[in-house]
């Protein structure tokens, strides 16, 4: 699942409407999210179970219970103000958050896959690692999906 959908995220980012948008508008991140939804649901037949769009200036956290036995795709993408976005996935084990997966490539999108053995609580950390010149905030999208 990862390789096919990862390639699609790269293609969507190349054809993104982001550069045409106003710096403070959410229009570009909404347009990109709409394209991702079309690809993930219609071309890959995945079910999106969570979608989030928000501002980010450094790091944000999201929490989700993931069901055992399913393979999840977790993707984050940034608008024109974000040059590099990273993802880290943590599982709550023995009263602490343990890093289990990450994507810290230098790209304006990040994606990981997680296949929990049992249903458990997970923390998703989204980091805007680098911004465009003279920018200190941007919009990001977070998408969680599975077959």
N, C-alpha and C. Protein backbone atom coordinates (compact mmCIF):
# COMPACT_ATOMS: atom_id res chain seq x y z
N UNK A 1 0.83 -1.19 0.00
CA UNK A 1 0.00 0.00 0.00
C UNK A 1 0.87 1.25 0.00
N UNK A 2 1.91 1.26 0.80
CA UNK A 2 2.72 2.47 0.99
C UNK A 2 3.31 2.99 -0.32
N UNK A 3 3.95 2.15 -1.11
CA UNK A 3 4.64 2.63 -2.30
C UNK A 3 3.70 3.27 -3.31
N UNK A 4 2.57 2.65 -3.57
CA UNK A 4 1.62 3.21 -4.54
C UNK A 4 1.03 4.52 -4.09
N UNK A 5 0.57 4.59 -2.87
CA UNK A 5 -0.05 5.82 -2.37
C UNK A 5 1.01 6.89 -2.14
N UNK A 6 2.21 6.50 -1.71
CA UNK A 6 3.30 7.46 -1.54
C UNK A 6 3.59 8.15 -2.87
N UNK A 7 3.64 7.40 -3.95
CA UNK A 7 3.90 7.98 -5.28
C UNK A 7 2.79 8.94 -5.67
N UNK A 8 1.56 8.61 -5.33
CA UNK A 8 0.44 9.50 -5.65
C UNK A 8 0.55 10.80 -4.86
N UNK A 9 0.94 10.73 -3.60
CA UNK A 9 1.11 11.95 -2.81
C UNK A 9 2.17 12.84 -3.45
N UNK A 10 3.24 12.24 -3.93
CA UNK A 10 4.29 13.02 -4.59
C UNK A 10 3.75 13.69 -5.85
N UNK A 11 2.97 12.99 -6.63
CA UNK A 11 2.40 13.57 -7.86
C UNK A 11 1.41 14.68 -7.56
N UNK A 12 0.58 14.49 -6.54
CA UNK A 12 -0.38 15.53 -6.18
C UNK A 12 0.36 16.79 -5.75
N UNK A 13 1.44 16.63 -4.98
CA UNK A 13 2.19 17.80 -4.54
C UNK A 13 2.81 18.53 -5.72
N UNK A 14 3.24 17.80 -6.75
CA UNK A 14 3.83 18.44 -7.93
C UNK A 14 2.79 19.28 -8.67
N UNK A 15 1.55 18.83 -8.70
CA UNK A 15 0.50 19.55 -9.40
C UNK A 15 -0.36 20.38 -8.48
N UNK A 16 0.16 20.70 -7.34
CA UNK A 16 -0.58 21.38 -6.30
C UNK A 16 -0.98 22.80 -6.67
N UNK A 17 -2.10 23.24 -6.12
CA UNK A 17 -2.57 24.61 -6.32
C UNK A 17 -1.95 25.55 -5.31
N UNK A 18 -1.03 25.06 -4.51
CA UNK A 18 -0.53 25.83 -3.39
C UNK A 18 0.15 27.12 -3.80
N UNK A 19 0.94 27.12 -4.83
CA UNK A 19 1.70 28.31 -5.18
C UNK A 19 0.79 29.45 -5.63
N UNK A 20 -0.42 29.14 -6.00
CA UNK A 20 -1.33 30.15 -6.52
C UNK A 20 -2.16 30.78 -5.41
N UNK A 21 -1.96 30.35 -4.19
CA UNK A 21 -2.85 30.78 -3.12
C UNK A 21 -2.26 31.88 -2.26
N UNK A 22 -3.13 32.60 -1.63
CA UNK A 22 -2.78 33.63 -0.65
C UNK A 22 -2.11 32.98 0.56
N UNK A 23 -1.11 33.64 1.14
CA UNK A 23 -0.35 33.09 2.26
C UNK A 23 -1.19 32.65 3.46
N UNK A 24 -2.25 33.37 3.78
CA UNK A 24 -3.00 33.06 4.99
C UNK A 24 -4.28 32.29 4.71
N UNK A 25 -4.58 32.03 3.47
CA UNK A 25 -5.81 31.32 3.10
C UNK A 25 -5.63 29.81 3.26
N UNK A 26 -6.70 29.13 3.63
CA UNK A 26 -6.70 27.66 3.68
C UNK A 26 -7.08 27.06 2.33
N UNK A 27 -7.38 27.89 1.34
CA UNK A 27 -7.86 27.40 0.05
C UNK A 27 -6.93 26.37 -0.57
N UNK A 28 -5.62 26.62 -0.54
CA UNK A 28 -4.69 25.68 -1.19
C UNK A 28 -4.62 24.35 -0.48
N UNK A 29 -4.62 24.34 0.85
CA UNK A 29 -4.53 23.07 1.58
C UNK A 29 -5.85 22.29 1.43
N UNK A 30 -6.96 22.99 1.33
CA UNK A 30 -8.25 22.33 1.10
C UNK A 30 -8.27 21.71 -0.29
N UNK A 31 -7.76 22.44 -1.29
CA UNK A 31 -7.71 21.91 -2.66
C UNK A 31 -6.82 20.66 -2.72
N UNK A 32 -5.67 20.71 -2.06
CA UNK A 32 -4.79 19.54 -2.04
C UNK A 32 -5.46 18.38 -1.32
N UNK A 33 -6.11 18.64 -0.20
CA UNK A 33 -6.80 17.58 0.55
C UNK A 33 -7.87 16.94 -0.31
N UNK A 34 -8.59 17.75 -1.07
CA UNK A 34 -9.63 17.21 -1.95
C UNK A 34 -9.05 16.25 -2.98
N UNK A 35 -7.90 16.59 -3.54
CA UNK A 35 -7.25 15.70 -4.51
C UNK A 35 -6.78 14.41 -3.83
N UNK A 36 -6.24 14.51 -2.62
CA UNK A 36 -5.82 13.31 -1.90
C UNK A 36 -7.00 12.40 -1.61
N UNK A 37 -8.11 12.98 -1.22
CA UNK A 37 -9.32 12.19 -0.95
C UNK A 37 -9.74 11.42 -2.20
N UNK A 38 -9.75 12.09 -3.34
CA UNK A 38 -10.13 11.42 -4.59
C UNK A 38 -9.22 10.23 -4.89
N UNK A 39 -7.93 10.43 -4.74
CA UNK A 39 -6.97 9.36 -5.05
C UNK A 39 -7.08 8.23 -4.05
N UNK A 40 -7.05 8.55 -2.77
CA UNK A 40 -7.04 7.52 -1.73
C UNK A 40 -8.34 6.70 -1.76
N UNK A 41 -9.47 7.37 -1.87
CA UNK A 41 -10.75 6.65 -1.84
C UNK A 41 -11.10 6.01 -3.18
N UNK A 42 -10.97 6.75 -4.26
CA UNK A 42 -11.47 6.26 -5.54
C UNK A 42 -10.46 5.44 -6.33
N UNK A 43 -9.20 5.82 -6.31
CA UNK A 43 -8.21 5.07 -7.07
C UNK A 43 -7.63 3.90 -6.29
N UNK A 44 -7.51 4.04 -4.96
CA UNK A 44 -6.93 2.98 -4.15
C UNK A 44 -7.94 2.25 -3.28
N UNK A 45 -9.19 2.70 -3.28
CA UNK A 45 -10.24 2.00 -2.55
C UNK A 45 -10.05 1.99 -1.04
N UNK A 46 -9.36 2.97 -0.51
CA UNK A 46 -9.13 3.05 0.93
C UNK A 46 -10.25 3.86 1.60
N UNK A 47 -10.47 3.61 2.87
CA UNK A 47 -11.45 4.36 3.64
C UNK A 47 -10.71 5.35 4.52
N UNK A 48 -11.02 6.63 4.37
CA UNK A 48 -10.42 7.65 5.22
C UNK A 48 -11.18 7.66 6.54
N UNK A 49 -10.44 7.48 7.64
CA UNK A 49 -11.08 7.42 8.95
C UNK A 49 -10.85 8.68 9.77
N UNK A 50 -9.92 9.52 9.31
CA UNK A 50 -9.72 10.81 9.96
C UNK A 50 -9.05 11.76 8.99
N UNK A 51 -9.51 13.01 9.04
CA UNK A 51 -8.94 14.07 8.21
C UNK A 51 -8.88 15.31 9.07
N UNK A 52 -7.76 16.00 9.02
CA UNK A 52 -7.57 17.19 9.85
C UNK A 52 -6.80 18.23 9.04
N UNK A 53 -7.24 19.47 9.10
CA UNK A 53 -6.54 20.60 8.49
C UNK A 53 -6.39 21.67 9.56
N UNK A 54 -5.17 22.21 9.70
CA UNK A 54 -4.94 23.17 10.78
C UNK A 54 -3.69 23.99 10.48
N UNK A 55 -3.46 25.00 11.30
CA UNK A 55 -2.23 25.79 11.26
C UNK A 55 -1.15 25.08 12.08
N UNK A 56 0.11 25.29 11.68
CA UNK A 56 1.22 24.73 12.44
C UNK A 56 2.39 25.71 12.38
N UNK A 57 3.05 25.87 13.53
CA UNK A 57 4.25 26.70 13.57
C UNK A 57 5.47 25.90 14.02
N UNK A 58 5.23 24.72 14.56
CA UNK A 58 6.34 23.84 14.94
C UNK A 58 5.85 22.40 14.94
N UNK A 59 5.22 21.97 16.05
CA UNK A 59 4.79 20.58 16.20
C UNK A 59 3.36 20.52 16.73
N UNK A 60 2.60 19.56 16.22
CA UNK A 60 1.25 19.29 16.71
C UNK A 60 1.15 17.80 17.01
N UNK A 61 0.23 17.45 17.89
CA UNK A 61 -0.02 16.05 18.22
C UNK A 61 -1.48 15.72 17.99
N UNK A 62 -1.72 14.52 17.51
CA UNK A 62 -3.07 13.99 17.34
C UNK A 62 -3.07 12.59 17.95
N UNK A 63 -4.22 12.18 18.48
CA UNK A 63 -4.32 10.88 19.11
C UNK A 63 -5.41 10.07 18.42
N UNK A 64 -5.17 8.77 18.28
CA UNK A 64 -6.13 7.92 17.59
C UNK A 64 -5.99 6.50 18.10
N UNK A 65 -7.13 5.85 18.33
CA UNK A 65 -7.14 4.42 18.61
C UNK A 65 -7.13 3.71 17.26
N UNK A 66 -6.14 2.85 17.05
CA UNK A 66 -6.05 2.07 15.82
C UNK A 66 -6.39 0.62 16.13
N UNK A 67 -7.20 0.02 15.28
CA UNK A 67 -7.67 -1.35 15.49
C UNK A 67 -6.64 -2.37 15.07
N UNK A 68 -6.50 -3.40 15.89
CA UNK A 68 -5.57 -4.48 15.59
C UNK A 68 -5.94 -5.20 14.31
N UNK A 69 -4.92 -5.60 13.54
CA UNK A 69 -5.13 -6.38 12.33
C UNK A 69 -5.33 -5.56 11.07
N UNK A 70 -5.52 -4.26 11.17
CA UNK A 70 -5.68 -3.41 9.98
C UNK A 70 -4.37 -2.70 9.67
N UNK A 71 -4.09 -2.49 8.39
CA UNK A 71 -2.94 -1.68 8.01
C UNK A 71 -3.43 -0.27 7.74
N UNK A 72 -2.86 0.70 8.45
CA UNK A 72 -3.24 2.10 8.31
C UNK A 72 -2.17 2.86 7.55
N UNK A 73 -2.60 3.76 6.70
CA UNK A 73 -1.72 4.76 6.12
C UNK A 73 -1.95 6.05 6.88
N UNK A 74 -0.89 6.71 7.25
CA UNK A 74 -0.99 7.99 7.95
C UNK A 74 -0.14 8.97 7.16
N UNK A 75 -0.77 10.03 6.67
CA UNK A 75 -0.07 10.98 5.80
C UNK A 75 -0.27 12.40 6.30
N UNK A 76 0.77 13.21 6.14
CA UNK A 76 0.70 14.64 6.45
C UNK A 76 1.24 15.39 5.24
N UNK A 77 0.67 16.55 4.96
CA UNK A 77 1.12 17.36 3.84
C UNK A 77 0.98 18.83 4.20
N UNK A 78 1.87 19.64 3.64
CA UNK A 78 1.91 21.05 3.98
C UNK A 78 1.53 21.94 2.81
N UNK A 79 1.20 23.19 3.12
CA UNK A 79 0.86 24.16 2.07
C UNK A 79 2.14 24.80 1.53
N UNK A 80 1.98 25.89 0.78
CA UNK A 80 3.11 26.55 0.14
C UNK A 80 4.11 27.14 1.13
N UNK A 81 3.72 27.34 2.36
CA UNK A 81 4.62 27.90 3.37
C UNK A 81 5.51 26.85 4.03
N UNK A 82 5.20 25.58 3.83
CA UNK A 82 5.95 24.50 4.47
C UNK A 82 6.79 23.78 3.43
N UNK A 83 8.10 23.74 3.66
CA UNK A 83 9.01 23.06 2.74
C UNK A 83 9.27 21.62 3.16
N UNK A 84 9.17 21.34 4.46
CA UNK A 84 9.50 20.00 4.96
C UNK A 84 8.59 19.70 6.15
N UNK A 85 7.83 18.60 6.04
CA UNK A 85 6.94 18.17 7.12
C UNK A 85 7.30 16.74 7.48
N UNK A 86 7.29 16.43 8.76
CA UNK A 86 7.68 15.11 9.24
C UNK A 86 6.58 14.50 10.11
N UNK A 87 6.58 13.18 10.18
CA UNK A 87 5.62 12.42 10.99
C UNK A 87 6.36 11.46 11.91
N UNK A 88 5.89 11.34 13.13
CA UNK A 88 6.35 10.32 14.05
C UNK A 88 5.12 9.67 14.67
N UNK A 89 5.13 8.36 14.78
CA UNK A 89 4.02 7.61 15.36
C UNK A 89 4.52 6.92 16.63
N UNK A 90 3.76 7.13 17.70
CA UNK A 90 4.11 6.55 18.99
C UNK A 90 2.98 5.66 19.48
N UNK A 91 3.35 4.60 20.19
CA UNK A 91 2.38 3.72 20.83
C UNK A 91 2.58 3.84 22.34
N UNK A 92 1.48 3.84 23.09
CA UNK A 92 1.54 3.94 24.54
C UNK A 92 1.84 2.56 25.12
N UNK A 93 3.04 2.41 25.70
CA UNK A 93 3.50 1.12 26.22
C UNK A 93 4.10 1.36 27.61
N UNK A 94 3.62 0.60 28.59
CA UNK A 94 4.15 0.69 29.96
C UNK A 94 4.22 2.14 30.46
N UNK A 95 3.12 2.83 30.31
CA UNK A 95 2.97 4.21 30.80
C UNK A 95 3.90 5.24 30.14
N UNK A 96 4.34 4.95 28.91
CA UNK A 96 5.12 5.95 28.18
C UNK A 96 4.90 5.80 26.68
N UNK A 97 5.14 6.88 25.95
CA UNK A 97 5.01 6.87 24.49
C UNK A 97 6.31 6.38 23.87
N UNK A 98 6.21 5.33 23.05
CA UNK A 98 7.37 4.72 22.41
C UNK A 98 7.26 4.93 20.90
N UNK A 99 8.32 5.49 20.30
CA UNK A 99 8.35 5.72 18.86
C UNK A 99 8.36 4.39 18.12
N UNK A 100 7.42 4.22 17.17
CA UNK A 100 7.37 2.96 16.42
C UNK A 100 7.57 3.16 14.92
N UNK A 101 7.37 4.37 14.43
CA UNK A 101 7.49 4.62 12.99
C UNK A 101 7.71 6.10 12.76
N UNK A 102 8.45 6.43 11.69
CA UNK A 102 8.64 7.84 11.37
C UNK A 102 8.93 8.02 9.89
N UNK A 103 8.63 9.20 9.41
CA UNK A 103 9.02 9.64 8.07
C UNK A 103 9.59 11.03 8.26
N UNK A 104 10.90 11.14 8.12
CA UNK A 104 11.52 12.45 8.27
C UNK A 104 12.33 12.82 7.03
N UNK A 105 11.84 12.33 5.87
CA UNK A 105 12.47 12.74 4.62
C UNK A 105 12.26 14.23 4.41
N UNK A 106 13.10 14.85 3.64
CA UNK A 106 13.02 16.29 3.39
C UNK A 106 12.06 16.55 2.24
N UNK A 107 10.75 16.49 2.56
CA UNK A 107 9.70 16.70 1.56
C UNK A 107 8.53 17.42 2.22
N UNK A 108 7.65 17.98 1.38
CA UNK A 108 6.50 18.69 1.94
C UNK A 108 5.31 17.77 2.18
N UNK A 109 5.56 16.46 2.16
CA UNK A 109 4.58 15.48 2.59
C UNK A 109 5.32 14.35 3.27
N UNK A 110 4.62 13.64 4.15
CA UNK A 110 5.21 12.50 4.86
C UNK A 110 4.15 11.42 4.96
N UNK A 111 4.58 10.16 4.90
CA UNK A 111 3.63 9.06 5.02
C UNK A 111 4.29 7.87 5.66
N UNK A 112 3.55 7.22 6.55
CA UNK A 112 3.99 5.97 7.17
C UNK A 112 2.83 4.99 7.13
N UNK A 113 3.15 3.72 7.30
CA UNK A 113 2.12 2.70 7.46
C UNK A 113 2.33 2.03 8.81
N UNK A 114 1.23 1.67 9.43
CA UNK A 114 1.25 1.02 10.75
C UNK A 114 0.24 -0.11 10.71
N UNK A 115 0.66 -1.29 11.19
CA UNK A 115 -0.25 -2.44 11.30
C UNK A 115 -0.23 -2.92 12.76
N UNK A 116 -1.13 -2.38 13.58
CA UNK A 116 -1.16 -2.79 14.99
C UNK A 116 -1.56 -4.27 15.13
N UNK A 117 -0.92 -4.95 16.04
CA UNK A 117 -1.30 -6.33 16.34
C UNK A 117 -2.57 -6.37 17.16
N UNK A 118 -2.70 -5.39 18.07
CA UNK A 118 -3.90 -5.30 18.91
C UNK A 118 -4.39 -3.84 18.88
N UNK A 119 -5.64 -3.66 19.20
CA UNK A 119 -6.21 -2.32 19.26
C UNK A 119 -5.53 -1.54 20.39
N UNK A 120 -5.06 -0.34 20.07
CA UNK A 120 -4.33 0.46 21.06
C UNK A 120 -4.39 1.94 20.69
N UNK A 121 -4.02 2.76 21.65
CA UNK A 121 -3.95 4.21 21.48
C UNK A 121 -2.60 4.59 20.87
N UNK A 122 -2.62 5.49 19.87
CA UNK A 122 -1.41 5.96 19.22
C UNK A 122 -1.38 7.48 19.23
N UNK A 123 -0.17 8.02 19.26
CA UNK A 123 0.02 9.46 19.16
C UNK A 123 0.73 9.73 17.83
N UNK A 124 0.21 10.69 17.10
CA UNK A 124 0.79 11.10 15.83
C UNK A 124 1.36 12.49 16.03
N UNK A 125 2.65 12.63 15.78
CA UNK A 125 3.32 13.92 15.93
C UNK A 125 3.64 14.45 14.53
N UNK A 126 3.11 15.62 14.22
CA UNK A 126 3.33 16.28 12.95
C UNK A 126 4.27 17.45 13.22
N UNK A 127 5.38 17.52 12.49
CA UNK A 127 6.36 18.59 12.69
C UNK A 127 6.58 19.34 11.38
N UNK A 128 6.41 20.64 11.44
CA UNK A 128 6.82 21.49 10.32
C UNK A 128 8.29 21.76 10.54
N UNK A 129 9.12 21.00 9.87
CA UNK A 129 10.56 21.04 10.11
C UNK A 129 11.23 22.24 9.45
N UNK A 130 10.71 22.63 8.27
CA UNK A 130 11.29 23.78 7.58
C UNK A 130 10.21 24.54 6.83
N UNK A 131 10.28 25.84 6.92
CA UNK A 131 9.32 26.72 6.24
C UNK A 131 9.98 27.39 5.04
N UNK A 132 9.14 27.89 4.14
CA UNK A 132 9.62 28.69 3.02
C UNK A 132 10.28 29.95 3.56
N UNK A 133 11.07 30.59 2.74
CA UNK A 133 11.79 31.79 3.15
C UNK A 133 10.84 32.84 3.72
N UNK A 134 11.20 33.39 4.86
CA UNK A 134 10.44 34.43 5.56
C UNK A 134 9.07 33.96 6.07
N UNK A 135 8.86 32.67 6.19
CA UNK A 135 7.59 32.13 6.71
C UNK A 135 7.87 31.40 8.02
N UNK A 136 6.91 31.49 8.94
CA UNK A 136 7.07 30.85 10.25
C UNK A 136 5.83 30.06 10.66
N UNK A 137 4.86 30.01 9.77
CA UNK A 137 3.62 29.28 10.03
C UNK A 137 3.06 28.83 8.69
N UNK A 138 2.31 27.74 8.71
CA UNK A 138 1.67 27.24 7.50
C UNK A 138 0.50 26.35 7.87
N UNK A 139 -0.23 25.92 6.85
CA UNK A 139 -1.33 24.97 7.06
C UNK A 139 -0.83 23.57 6.72
N UNK A 140 -1.37 22.59 7.44
CA UNK A 140 -1.04 21.20 7.15
C UNK A 140 -2.33 20.40 7.08
N UNK A 141 -2.23 19.25 6.44
CA UNK A 141 -3.32 18.28 6.42
C UNK A 141 -2.82 16.97 6.99
N UNK A 142 -3.69 16.29 7.70
CA UNK A 142 -3.40 14.95 8.25
C UNK A 142 -4.50 14.03 7.77
N UNK A 143 -4.13 12.87 7.25
CA UNK A 143 -5.10 11.90 6.76
C UNK A 143 -4.72 10.53 7.29
N UNK A 144 -5.70 9.81 7.84
CA UNK A 144 -5.51 8.43 8.29
C UNK A 144 -6.50 7.58 7.51
N UNK A 145 -6.01 6.50 6.93
CA UNK A 145 -6.88 5.67 6.08
C UNK A 145 -6.48 4.19 6.18
N UNK A 146 -7.40 3.33 5.76
CA UNK A 146 -7.14 1.89 5.71
C UNK A 146 -8.06 1.25 4.68
N UNK A 147 -7.77 -0.01 4.32
CA UNK A 147 -8.63 -0.71 3.33
C UNK A 147 -10.04 -0.91 3.84
